[in-house]
Amino acid sequence: QYFYKDGVKVEDRTKPNCRLPHNWHKLLVDQKVSYLV
């Protein structure tokens, strides 16, 4: 997360920064692998 201070882009370490990955790729790969072999 960033904010601008005096015209300069600075990382904001106080702002909430939820980073939530969703493993759709593993689900789709495991489906194909289980289906075929």
PDB file of all heavy atoms in Angstrom:
ATOM      1  N   GLN A   1       0.850  -1.185   0.000  1.00  0.00           N
ATOM      2  CA  GLN A   1       0.000   0.000   0.000  1.00  0.00           C
ATOM      3  C   GLN A   1       0.889   1.239   0.000  1.00  0.00           C
ATOM      4  O   GLN A   1       1.936   1.265   0.666  1.00  0.00           O
ATOM      5  CB  GLN A   1      -0.914   0.004   1.233  1.00  0.00           C
ATOM      6  CG  GLN A   1      -1.872  -1.177   1.306  1.00  0.00           C
ATOM      7  CD  GLN A   1      -3.081  -0.989   0.399  1.00  0.00           C
ATOM      8  OE1 GLN A   1      -3.002  -0.335  -0.627  1.00  0.00           O
ATOM      9  NE2 GLN A   1      -4.211  -1.564   0.797  1.00  0.00           N
ATOM     10  N   TYR A   2       0.471   2.260  -0.739  1.00  0.00           N
ATOM     11  CA  TYR A   2       1.283   3.471  -0.852  1.00  0.00           C
ATOM     12  C   TYR A   2       0.445   4.718  -0.576  1.00  0.00           C
ATOM     13  O   TYR A   2      -0.786   4.685  -0.652  1.00  0.00           O
ATOM     14  CB  TYR A   2       1.884   3.579  -2.262  1.00  0.00           C
ATOM     15  CG  TYR A   2       2.863   2.486  -2.599  1.00  0.00           C
ATOM     16  CD1 TYR A   2       2.451   1.332  -3.270  1.00  0.00           C
ATOM     17  CD2 TYR A   2       4.209   2.600  -2.256  1.00  0.00           C
ATOM     18  CE1 TYR A   2       3.344   0.326  -3.581  1.00  0.00           C
ATOM     19  CE2 TYR A   2       5.119   1.595  -2.568  1.00  0.00           C
ATOM     20  CZ  TYR A   2       4.683   0.470  -3.231  1.00  0.00           C
ATOM     21  OH  TYR A   2       5.575  -0.520  -3.541  1.00  0.00           O
ATOM     22  N   PHE A   3       1.126   5.822  -0.267  1.00  0.00           N
ATOM     23  CA  PHE A   3       0.521   7.155  -0.222  1.00  0.00           C
ATOM     24  C   PHE A   3       1.577   8.143  -0.685  1.00  0.00           C
ATOM     25  O   PHE A   3       2.764   7.821  -0.781  1.00  0.00           O
ATOM     26  CB  PHE A   3       0.017   7.482   1.179  1.00  0.00           C
ATOM     27  CG  PHE A   3       1.125   7.753   2.179  1.00  0.00           C
ATOM     28  CD1 PHE A   3       1.491   9.053   2.496  1.00  0.00           C
ATOM     29  CD2 PHE A   3       1.783   6.701   2.808  1.00  0.00           C
ATOM     30  CE1 PHE A   3       2.507   9.304   3.407  1.00  0.00           C
ATOM     31  CE2 PHE A   3       2.799   6.944   3.723  1.00  0.00           C
ATOM     32  CZ  PHE A   3       3.161   8.247   4.024  1.00  0.00           C
ATOM     33  N   TYR A   4       1.118   9.349  -1.011  1.00  0.00           N
ATOM     34  CA  TYR A   4       2.037  10.384  -1.504  1.00  0.00           C
ATOM     35  C   TYR A   4       2.317  11.394  -0.405  1.00  0.00           C
ATOM     36  O   TYR A   4       1.405  11.947   0.202  1.00  0.00           O
ATOM     37  CB  TYR A   4       1.454  11.081  -2.727  1.00  0.00           C
ATOM     38  CG  TYR A   4       1.562  10.240  -3.975  1.00  0.00           C
ATOM     39  CD1 TYR A   4       0.551   9.349  -4.317  1.00  0.00           C
ATOM     40  CD2 TYR A   4       2.679  10.323  -4.795  1.00  0.00           C
ATOM     41  CE1 TYR A   4       0.654   8.567  -5.459  1.00  0.00           C
ATOM     42  CE2 TYR A   4       2.795   9.539  -5.931  1.00  0.00           C
ATOM     43  CZ  TYR A   4       1.778   8.670  -6.261  1.00  0.00           C
ATOM     44  OH  TYR A   4       1.885   7.886  -7.390  1.00  0.00           O
ATOM     45  N   LYS A   5       3.592  11.610  -0.136  1.00  0.00           N
ATOM     46  CA  LYS A   5       4.032  12.583   0.860  1.00  0.00           C
ATOM     47  C   LYS A   5       4.975  13.566   0.182  1.00  0.00           C
ATOM     48  O   LYS A   5       6.035  13.187  -0.305  1.00  0.00           O
ATOM     49  CB  LYS A   5       4.748  11.872   2.014  1.00  0.00           C
ATOM     50  CG  LYS A   5       5.199  12.819   3.122  1.00  0.00           C
ATOM     51  CD  LYS A   5       5.851  12.044   4.249  1.00  0.00           C
ATOM     52  CE  LYS A   5       6.274  12.980   5.380  1.00  0.00           C
ATOM     53  NZ  LYS A   5       6.912  12.235   6.488  1.00  0.00           N
ATOM     54  N   ASP A   6       4.528  14.808   0.144  1.00  0.00           N
ATOM     55  CA  ASP A   6       5.290  15.856  -0.525  1.00  0.00           C
ATOM     56  C   ASP A   6       5.594  15.481  -1.973  1.00  0.00           C
ATOM     57  O   ASP A   6       6.703  15.712  -2.491  1.00  0.00           O
ATOM     58  CB  ASP A   6       6.604  16.149   0.217  1.00  0.00           C
ATOM     59  CG  ASP A   6       6.371  16.623   1.641  1.00  0.00           C
ATOM     60  OD1 ASP A   6       5.339  17.299   1.864  1.00  0.00           O
ATOM     61  OD2 ASP A   6       7.204  16.310   2.510  1.00  0.00           O
ATOM     62  N   GLY A   7       4.600  14.861  -2.610  1.00  0.00           N
ATOM     63  CA  GLY A   7       4.757  14.497  -4.014  1.00  0.00           C
ATOM     64  C   GLY A   7       5.569  13.252  -4.265  1.00  0.00           C
ATOM     65  O   GLY A   7       5.815  12.889  -5.425  1.00  0.00           O
ATOM     66  N   VAL A   8       5.979  12.558  -3.199  1.00  0.00           N
ATOM     67  CA  VAL A   8       6.799  11.348  -3.341  1.00  0.00           C
ATOM     68  C   VAL A   8       5.969  10.132  -2.918  1.00  0.00           C
ATOM     69  O   VAL A   8       5.316  10.157  -1.870  1.00  0.00           O
ATOM     70  CB  VAL A   8       8.081  11.444  -2.485  1.00  0.00           C
ATOM     71  CG1 VAL A   8       8.897  10.166  -2.611  1.00  0.00           C
ATOM     72  CG2 VAL A   8       8.898  12.652  -2.893  1.00  0.00           C
ATOM     73  N   LYS A   9       6.016   9.069  -3.722  1.00  0.00           N
ATOM     74  CA  LYS A   9       5.290   7.846  -3.422  1.00  0.00           C
ATOM     75  C   LYS A   9       6.014   7.075  -2.325  1.00  0.00           C
ATOM     76  O   LYS A   9       7.179   6.701  -2.476  1.00  0.00           O
ATOM     77  CB  LYS A   9       5.179   6.982  -4.681  1.00  0.00           C
ATOM     78  CG  LYS A   9       4.279   5.770  -4.534  1.00  0.00           C
ATOM     79  CD  LYS A   9       4.176   5.020  -5.863  1.00  0.00           C
ATOM     80  CE  LYS A   9       3.277   3.806  -5.753  1.00  0.00           C
ATOM     81  NZ  LYS A   9       3.203   3.072  -7.039  1.00  0.00           N
ATOM     82  N   VAL A  10       5.307   6.855  -1.208  1.00  0.00           N
ATOM     83  CA  VAL A  10       5.911   6.215  -0.040  1.00  0.00           C
ATOM     84  C   VAL A  10       5.050   5.028   0.379  1.00  0.00           C
ATOM     85  O   VAL A  10       3.815   5.095   0.322  1.00  0.00           O
ATOM     86  CB  VAL A  10       6.036   7.208   1.133  1.00  0.00           C
ATOM     87  CG1 VAL A  10       6.671   6.528   2.346  1.00  0.00           C
ATOM     88  CG2 VAL A  10       6.837   8.432   0.721  1.00  0.00           C
ATOM     89  N   GLU A  11       5.702   3.913   0.794  1.00  0.00           N
ATOM     90  CA  GLU A  11       4.943   2.754   1.258  1.00  0.00           C
ATOM     91  C   GLU A  11       4.245   3.081   2.574  1.00  0.00           C
ATOM     92  O   GLU A  11       4.845   3.651   3.491  1.00  0.00           O
ATOM     93  CB  GLU A  11       5.857   1.550   1.446  1.00  0.00           C
ATOM     94  CG  GLU A  11       5.105   0.297   1.860  1.00  0.00           C
ATOM     95  CD  GLU A  11       5.995  -0.909   2.040  1.00  0.00           C
ATOM     96  OE1 GLU A  11       7.214  -0.812   1.766  1.00  0.00           O
ATOM     97  OE2 GLU A  11       5.471  -1.968   2.469  1.00  0.00           O
ATOM     98  N   ASP A  12       2.973   2.725   2.647  1.00  0.00           N
ATOM     99  CA  ASP A  12       2.165   2.966   3.850  1.00  0.00           C
ATOM    100  C   ASP A  12       2.084   1.658   4.638  1.00  0.00           C
ATOM    101  O   ASP A  12       1.403   0.719   4.243  1.00  0.00           O
ATOM    102  CB  ASP A  12       0.771   3.444   3.460  1.00  0.00           C
ATOM    103  CG  ASP A  12      -0.036   3.937   4.652  1.00  0.00           C
ATOM    104  OD1 ASP A  12       0.376   3.650   5.796  1.00  0.00           O
ATOM    105  OD2 ASP A  12      -1.058   4.609   4.448  1.00  0.00           O
ATOM    106  N   ARG A  13       2.789   1.601   5.756  1.00  0.00           N
ATOM    107  CA  ARG A  13       2.812   0.384   6.572  1.00  0.00           C
ATOM    108  C   ARG A  13       1.723   0.382   7.638  1.00  0.00           C
ATOM    109  O   ARG A  13       1.582  -0.592   8.375  1.00  0.00           O
ATOM    110  CB  ARG A  13       4.188   0.239   7.230  1.00  0.00           C
ATOM    111  CG  ARG A  13       5.336   0.093   6.242  1.00  0.00           C
ATOM    112  CD  ARG A  13       6.669  -0.091   6.935  1.00  0.00           C
ATOM    113  NE  ARG A  13       7.779  -0.171   5.987  1.00  0.00           N
ATOM    114  CZ  ARG A  13       8.155  -1.282   5.360  1.00  0.00           C
ATOM    115  NH1 ARG A  13       7.517  -2.412   5.609  1.00  0.00           N
ATOM    116  NH2 ARG A  13       9.181  -1.264   4.515  1.00  0.00           N
ATOM    117  N   THR A  14       0.978   1.494   7.760  1.00  0.00           N
ATOM    118  CA  THR A  14      -0.092   1.566   8.770  1.00  0.00           C
ATOM    119  C   THR A  14      -1.453   1.236   8.192  1.00  0.00           C
ATOM    120  O   THR A  14      -2.355   0.833   8.923  1.00  0.00           O
ATOM    121  CB  THR A  14      -0.135   2.975   9.384  1.00  0.00           C
ATOM    122  OG1 THR A  14      -0.435   3.939   8.362  1.00  0.00           O
ATOM    123  CG2 THR A  14       1.210   3.319  10.032  1.00  0.00           C
ATOM    124  N   LYS A  15      -1.611   1.383   6.909  1.00  0.00           N
ATOM    125  CA  LYS A  15      -2.903   1.129   6.263  1.00  0.00           C
ATOM    126  C   LYS A  15      -3.163  -0.378   6.193  1.00  0.00           C
ATOM    127  O   LYS A  15      -2.232  -1.163   5.960  1.00  0.00           O
ATOM    128  CB  LYS A  15      -2.878   1.719   4.852  1.00  0.00           C
ATOM    129  CG  LYS A  15      -4.217   1.694   4.115  1.00  0.00           C
ATOM    130  CD  LYS A  15      -4.066   2.358   2.761  1.00  0.00           C
ATOM    131  CE  LYS A  15      -5.367   2.327   1.977  1.00  0.00           C
ATOM    132  NZ  LYS A  15      -6.429   3.105   2.647  1.00  0.00           N
ATOM    133  N   PRO A  16      -4.401  -0.830   6.428  1.00  0.00           N
ATOM    134  CA  PRO A  16      -4.719  -2.259   6.295  1.00  0.00           C
ATOM    135  C   PRO A  16      -4.308  -2.791   4.927  1.00  0.00           C
ATOM    136  O   PRO A  16      -4.582  -2.160   3.906  1.00  0.00           O
ATOM    137  CB  PRO A  16      -6.238  -2.312   6.480  1.00  0.00           C
ATOM    138  CG  PRO A  16      -6.558  -1.105   7.299  1.00  0.00           C
ATOM    139  CD  PRO A  16      -5.579  -0.045   6.874  1.00  0.00           C
ATOM    140  N   ASN A  17      -3.650  -3.925   4.915  1.00  0.00           N
ATOM    141  CA  ASN A  17      -3.165  -4.499   3.656  1.00  0.00           C
ATOM    142  C   ASN A  17      -3.389  -6.009   3.677  1.00  0.00           C
ATOM    143  O   ASN A  17      -2.454  -6.804   3.801  1.00  0.00           O
ATOM    144  CB  ASN A  17      -1.689  -4.175   3.452  1.00  0.00           C
ATOM    145  CG  ASN A  17      -1.172  -4.628   2.090  1.00  0.00           C
ATOM    146  OD1 ASN A  17      -1.953  -4.876   1.180  1.00  0.00           O
ATOM    147  ND2 ASN A  17       0.139  -4.743   1.961  1.00  0.00           N
ATOM    148  N   CYS A  18      -4.647  -6.388   3.566  1.00  0.00           N
ATOM    149  CA  CYS A  18      -4.985  -7.819   3.499  1.00  0.00           C
ATOM    150  C   CYS A  18      -4.537  -8.367   2.146  1.00  0.00           C
ATOM    151  O   CYS A  18      -4.807  -7.768   1.105  1.00  0.00           O
ATOM    152  CB  CYS A  18      -6.483  -8.015   3.674  1.00  0.00           C
ATOM    153  SG  CYS A  18      -7.102  -7.498   5.288  1.00  0.00           S
ATOM    154  N   ARG A  19      -3.853  -9.491   2.170  1.00  0.00           N
ATOM    155  CA  ARG A  19      -3.379 -10.135   0.936  1.00  0.00           C
ATOM    156  C   ARG A  19      -3.871 -11.575   0.956  1.00  0.00           C
ATOM    157  O   ARG A  19      -3.285 -12.425   1.615  1.00  0.00           O
ATOM    158  CB  ARG A  19      -1.858 -10.045   0.863  1.00  0.00           C
ATOM    159  CG  ARG A  19      -1.360  -8.617   0.667  1.00  0.00           C
ATOM    160  CD  ARG A  19       0.133  -8.485   0.828  1.00  0.00           C
ATOM    161  NE  ARG A  19       0.540  -8.625   2.221  1.00  0.00           N
ATOM    162  CZ  ARG A  19       1.771  -8.376   2.659  1.00  0.00           C
ATOM    163  NH1 ARG A  19       2.702  -7.996   1.808  1.00  0.00           N
ATOM    164  NH2 ARG A  19       2.066  -8.517   3.922  1.00  0.00           N
ATOM    165  N   LEU A  20      -4.957 -11.815   0.239  1.00  0.00           N
ATOM    166  CA  LEU A  20      -5.672 -13.091   0.347  1.00  0.00           C
ATOM    167  C   LEU A  20      -5.613 -13.861  -0.971  1.00  0.00           C
ATOM    168  O   LEU A  20      -6.379 -13.599  -1.896  1.00  0.00           O
ATOM    169  CB  LEU A  20      -7.135 -12.838   0.739  1.00  0.00           C
ATOM    170  CG  LEU A  20      -7.339 -11.978   1.998  1.00  0.00           C
ATOM    171  CD1 LEU A  20      -8.830 -11.709   2.209  1.00  0.00           C
ATOM    172  CD2 LEU A  20      -6.742 -12.668   3.213  1.00  0.00           C
ATOM    173  N   PRO A  21      -4.682 -14.819  -1.094  1.00  0.00           N
ATOM    174  CA  PRO A  21      -4.636 -15.649  -2.309  1.00  0.00           C
ATOM    175  C   PRO A  21      -5.710 -16.725  -2.279  1.00  0.00           C
ATOM    176  O   PRO A  21      -6.078 -17.239  -1.215  1.00  0.00           O
ATOM    177  CB  PRO A  21      -3.237 -16.259  -2.243  1.00  0.00           C
ATOM    178  CG  PRO A  21      -2.938 -16.346  -0.785  1.00  0.00           C
ATOM    179  CD  PRO A  21      -3.623 -15.165  -0.136  1.00  0.00           C
ATOM    180  N   HIS A  22      -6.222 -17.054  -3.439  1.00  0.00           N
ATOM    181  CA  HIS A  22      -7.219 -18.122  -3.582  1.00  0.00           C
ATOM    182  C   HIS A  22      -6.654 -19.146  -4.555  1.00  0.00           C
ATOM    183  O   HIS A  22      -6.383 -18.817  -5.714  1.00  0.00           O
ATOM    184  CB  HIS A  22      -8.545 -17.556  -4.092  1.00  0.00           C
ATOM    185  CG  HIS A  22      -9.181 -16.583  -3.155  1.00  0.00           C
ATOM    186  ND1 HIS A  22      -8.718 -15.289  -3.023  1.00  0.00           N
ATOM    187  CD2 HIS A  22     -10.224 -16.718  -2.300  1.00  0.00           C
ATOM    188  CE1 HIS A  22      -9.458 -14.653  -2.131  1.00  0.00           C
ATOM    189  NE2 HIS A  22     -10.377 -15.492  -1.672  1.00  0.00           N
ATOM    190  N   ASN A  23      -6.487 -20.376  -4.101  1.00  0.00           N
ATOM    191  CA  ASN A  23      -5.730 -21.360  -4.870  1.00  0.00           C
ATOM    192  C   ASN A  23      -6.606 -22.079  -5.898  1.00  0.00           C
ATOM    193  O   ASN A  23      -6.755 -23.306  -5.890  1.00  0.00           O
ATOM    194  CB  ASN A  23      -5.069 -22.371  -3.932  1.00  0.00           C
ATOM    195  CG  ASN A  23      -3.769 -22.902  -4.521  1.00  0.00           C
ATOM    196  OD1 ASN A  23      -3.531 -22.776  -5.714  1.00  0.00           O
ATOM    197  ND2 ASN A  23      -2.930 -23.478  -3.701  1.00  0.00           N
ATOM    198  N   TRP A  24      -7.161 -21.295  -6.820  1.00  0.00           N
ATOM    199  CA  TRP A  24      -7.949 -21.878  -7.908  1.00  0.00           C
ATOM    200  C   TRP A  24      -7.067 -22.754  -8.795  1.00  0.00           C
ATOM    201  O   TRP A  24      -7.522 -23.780  -9.312  1.00  0.00           O
ATOM    202  CB  TRP A  24      -8.572 -20.770  -8.759  1.00  0.00           C
ATOM    203  CG  TRP A  24      -9.537 -19.881  -8.048  1.00  0.00           C
ATOM    204  CD1 TRP A  24      -9.345 -18.583  -7.670  1.00  0.00           C
ATOM    205  CD2 TRP A  24     -10.873 -20.218  -7.617  1.00  0.00           C
ATOM    206  NE1 TRP A  24     -10.455 -18.090  -7.033  1.00  0.00           N
ATOM    207  CE2 TRP A  24     -11.413 -19.071  -6.988  1.00  0.00           C
ATOM    208  CE3 TRP A  24     -11.641 -21.365  -7.697  1.00  0.00           C
ATOM    209  CZ2 TRP A  24     -12.689 -19.040  -6.453  1.00  0.00           C
ATOM    210  CZ3 TRP A  24     -12.928 -21.337  -7.169  1.00  0.00           C
ATOM    211  CH2 TRP A  24     -13.433 -20.191  -6.557  1.00  0.00           C
ATOM    212  N   HIS A  25      -5.827 -22.330  -8.989  1.00  0.00           N
ATOM    213  CA  HIS A  25      -4.935 -23.078  -9.892  1.00  0.00           C
ATOM    214  C   HIS A  25      -4.713 -24.501  -9.394  1.00  0.00           C
ATOM    215  O   HIS A  25      -4.793 -25.459 -10.173  1.00  0.00           O
ATOM    216  CB  HIS A  25      -3.600 -22.334 -10.013  1.00  0.00           C
ATOM    217  CG  HIS A  25      -2.590 -23.039 -10.864  1.00  0.00           C
ATOM    218  ND1 HIS A  25      -2.839 -23.399 -12.177  1.00  0.00           N
ATOM    219  CD2 HIS A  25      -1.318 -23.461 -10.589  1.00  0.00           C
ATOM    220  CE1 HIS A  25      -1.772 -24.007 -12.668  1.00  0.00           C
ATOM    221  NE2 HIS A  25      -0.845 -24.063 -11.733  1.00  0.00           N
ATOM    222  N   LYS A  26      -4.437 -24.671  -8.127  1.00  0.00           N
ATOM    223  CA  LYS A  26      -4.236 -26.015  -7.571  1.00  0.00           C
ATOM    224  C   LYS A  26      -5.499 -26.854  -7.722  1.00  0.00           C
ATOM    225  O   LYS A  26      -5.431 -28.040  -8.065  1.00  0.00           O
ATOM    226  CB  LYS A  26      -3.837 -25.937  -6.103  1.00  0.00           C
ATOM    227  CG  LYS A  26      -3.548 -27.295  -5.459  1.00  0.00           C
ATOM    228  CD  LYS A  26      -3.121 -27.147  -4.014  1.00  0.00           C
ATOM    229  CE  LYS A  26      -2.672 -28.489  -3.429  1.00  0.00           C
ATOM    230  NZ  LYS A  26      -3.740 -29.512  -3.458  1.00  0.00           N
ATOM    231  N   LEU A  27      -6.645 -26.241  -7.475  1.00  0.00           N
ATOM    232  CA  LEU A  27      -7.912 -26.963  -7.613  1.00  0.00           C
ATOM    233  C   LEU A  27      -8.095 -27.476  -9.029  1.00  0.00           C
ATOM    234  O   LEU A  27      -8.431 -28.653  -9.248  1.00  0.00           O
ATOM    235  CB  LEU A  27      -9.072 -26.040  -7.220  1.00  0.00           C
ATOM    236  CG  LEU A  27     -10.486 -26.565  -7.485  1.00  0.00           C
ATOM    237  CD1 LEU A  27     -10.759 -27.814  -6.668  1.00  0.00           C
ATOM    238  CD2 LEU A  27     -11.515 -25.494  -7.184  1.00  0.00           C
ATOM    239  N   LEU A  28      -7.836 -26.613 -10.023  1.00  0.00           N
ATOM    240  CA  LEU A  28      -8.040 -27.004 -11.413  1.00  0.00           C
ATOM    241  C   LEU A  28      -7.014 -28.050 -11.860  1.00  0.00           C
ATOM    242  O   LEU A  28      -7.353 -28.993 -12.585  1.00  0.00           O
ATOM    243  CB  LEU A  28      -7.957 -25.773 -12.313  1.00  0.00           C
ATOM    244  CG  LEU A  28      -9.125 -24.786 -12.165  1.00  0.00           C
ATOM    245  CD1 LEU A  28      -8.804 -23.469 -12.850  1.00  0.00           C
ATOM    246  CD2 LEU A  28     -10.404 -25.379 -12.740  1.00  0.00           C
ATOM    247  N   VAL A  29      -5.767 -27.900 -11.425  1.00  0.00           N
ATOM    248  CA  VAL A  29      -4.728 -28.882 -11.789  1.00  0.00           C
ATOM    249  C   VAL A  29      -5.039 -30.232 -11.147  1.00  0.00           C
ATOM    250  O   VAL A  29      -4.961 -31.275 -11.809  1.00  0.00           O
ATOM    251  CB  VAL A  29      -3.334 -28.380 -11.363  1.00  0.00           C
ATOM    252  CG1 VAL A  29      -2.302 -29.510 -11.455  1.00  0.00           C
ATOM    253  CG2 VAL A  29      -2.904 -27.212 -12.229  1.00  0.00           C
ATOM    254  N   ASP A  30      -5.389 -30.227  -9.874  1.00  0.00           N
ATOM    255  CA  ASP A  30      -5.688 -31.489  -9.186  1.00  0.00           C
ATOM    256  C   ASP A  30      -6.898 -32.179  -9.800  1.00  0.00           C
ATOM    257  O   ASP A  30      -6.953 -33.413  -9.863  1.00  0.00           O
ATOM    258  CB  ASP A  30      -5.928 -31.233  -7.696  1.00  0.00           C
ATOM    259  CG  ASP A  30      -4.645 -30.899  -6.951  1.00  0.00           C
ATOM    260  OD1 ASP A  30      -3.560 -31.049  -7.553  1.00  0.00           O
ATOM    261  OD2 ASP A  30      -4.715 -30.484  -5.778  1.00  0.00           O
ATOM    262  N   GLN A  31      -7.873 -31.387 -10.260  1.00  0.00           N
ATOM    263  CA  GLN A  31      -9.029 -31.976 -10.946  1.00  0.00           C
ATOM    264  C   GLN A  31      -8.581 -32.740 -12.185  1.00  0.00           C
ATOM    265  O   GLN A  31      -8.971 -33.890 -12.410  1.00  0.00           O
ATOM    266  CB  GLN A  31     -10.023 -30.881 -11.354  1.00  0.00           C
ATOM    267  CG  GLN A  31     -11.037 -30.504 -10.298  1.00  0.00           C
ATOM    268  CD  GLN A  31     -12.135 -29.625 -10.871  1.00  0.00           C
ATOM    269  OE1 GLN A  31     -12.151 -29.293 -12.059  1.00  0.00           O
ATOM    270  NE2 GLN A  31     -13.062 -29.233 -10.025  1.00  0.00           N
ATOM    271  N   LYS A  32      -7.745 -32.097 -13.005  1.00  0.00           N
ATOM    272  CA  LYS A  32      -7.309 -32.731 -14.253  1.00  0.00           C
ATOM    273  C   LYS A  32      -6.458 -33.965 -13.989  1.00  0.00           C
ATOM    274  O   LYS A  32      -6.646 -35.010 -14.634  1.00  0.00           O
ATOM    275  CB  LYS A  32      -6.528 -31.724 -15.104  1.00  0.00           C
ATOM    276  CG  LYS A  32      -6.112 -32.284 -16.457  1.00  0.00           C
ATOM    277  CD  LYS A  32      -5.420 -31.258 -17.327  1.00  0.00           C
ATOM    278  CE  LYS A  32      -4.005 -31.015 -16.909  1.00  0.00           C
ATOM    279  NZ  LYS A  32      -3.260 -30.202 -17.897  1.00  0.00           N
ATOM    280  N   VAL A  33      -5.539 -33.854 -13.043  1.00  0.00           N
ATOM    281  CA  VAL A  33      -4.652 -34.981 -12.736  1.00  0.00           C
ATOM    282  C   VAL A  33      -5.450 -36.165 -12.210  1.00  0.00           C
ATOM    283  O   VAL A  33      -5.254 -37.307 -12.654  1.00  0.00           O
ATOM    284  CB  VAL A  33      -3.575 -34.551 -11.717  1.00  0.00           C
ATOM    285  CG1 VAL A  33      -2.771 -35.749 -11.241  1.00  0.00           C
ATOM    286  CG2 VAL A  33      -2.644 -33.503 -12.330  1.00  0.00           C
ATOM    287  N   SER A  34      -6.358 -35.916 -11.285  1.00  0.00           N
ATOM    288  CA  SER A  34      -7.171 -37.004 -10.727  1.00  0.00           C
ATOM    289  C   SER A  34      -8.081 -37.607 -11.776  1.00  0.00           C
ATOM    290  O   SER A  34      -8.315 -38.821 -11.801  1.00  0.00           O
ATOM    291  CB  SER A  34      -7.992 -36.483  -9.547  1.00  0.00           C
ATOM    292  OG  SER A  34      -7.154 -36.039  -8.502  1.00  0.00           O
ATOM    293  N   TYR A  35      -8.602 -36.764 -12.649  1.00  0.00           N
ATOM    294  CA  TYR A  35      -9.510 -37.236 -13.695  1.00  0.00           C
ATOM    295  C   TYR A  35      -8.784 -38.132 -14.700  1.00  0.00           C
ATOM    296  O   TYR A  35      -9.291 -39.181 -15.091  1.00  0.00           O
ATOM    297  CB  TYR A  35     -10.123 -36.033 -14.398  1.00  0.00           C
ATOM    298  CG  TYR A  35     -11.042 -36.373 -15.552  1.00  0.00           C
ATOM    299  CD1 TYR A  35     -12.281 -36.952 -15.336  1.00  0.00           C
ATOM    300  CD2 TYR A  35     -10.665 -36.104 -16.874  1.00  0.00           C
ATOM    301  CE1 TYR A  35     -13.127 -37.262 -16.391  1.00  0.00           C
ATOM    302  CE2 TYR A  35     -11.499 -36.410 -17.934  1.00  0.00           C
ATOM    303  CZ  TYR A  35     -12.728 -36.989 -17.691  1.00  0.00           C
ATOM    304  OH  TYR A  35     -13.563 -37.297 -18.733  1.00  0.00           O
ATOM    305  N   LEU A  36      -7.561 -37.724 -15.090  1.00  0.00           N
ATOM    306  CA  LEU A  36      -6.864 -38.452 -16.149  1.00  0.00           C
ATOM    307  C   LEU A  36      -6.069 -39.641 -15.633  1.00  0.00           C
ATOM    308  O   LEU A  36      -6.120 -40.730 -16.222  1.00  0.00           O
ATOM    309  CB  LEU A  36      -5.925 -37.498 -16.901  1.00  0.00           C
ATOM    310  CG  LEU A  36      -5.152 -38.100 -18.074  1.00  0.00           C
ATOM    311  CD1 LEU A  36      -6.114 -38.612 -19.140  1.00  0.00           C
ATOM    312  CD2 LEU A  36      -4.200 -37.075 -18.674  1.00  0.00           C
ATOM    313  N   VAL A  37      -5.331 -39.483 -14.528  1.00  0.00           N
ATOM    314  CA  VAL A  37      -4.446 -40.556 -14.057  1.00  0.00           C
ATOM    315  C   VAL A  37      -4.705 -40.912 -12.600  1.00  0.00           C
ATOM    316  O   VAL A  37      -3.838 -41.482 -11.942  1.00  0.00           O
ATOM    317  CB  VAL A  37      -2.956 -40.172 -14.259  1.00  0.00           C
ATOM    318  CG1 VAL A  37      -2.636 -40.066 -15.731  1.00  0.00           C
ATOM    319  CG2 VAL A  37      -2.613 -38.865 -13.544  1.00  0.00           C
TER     320      VAL A  37
END
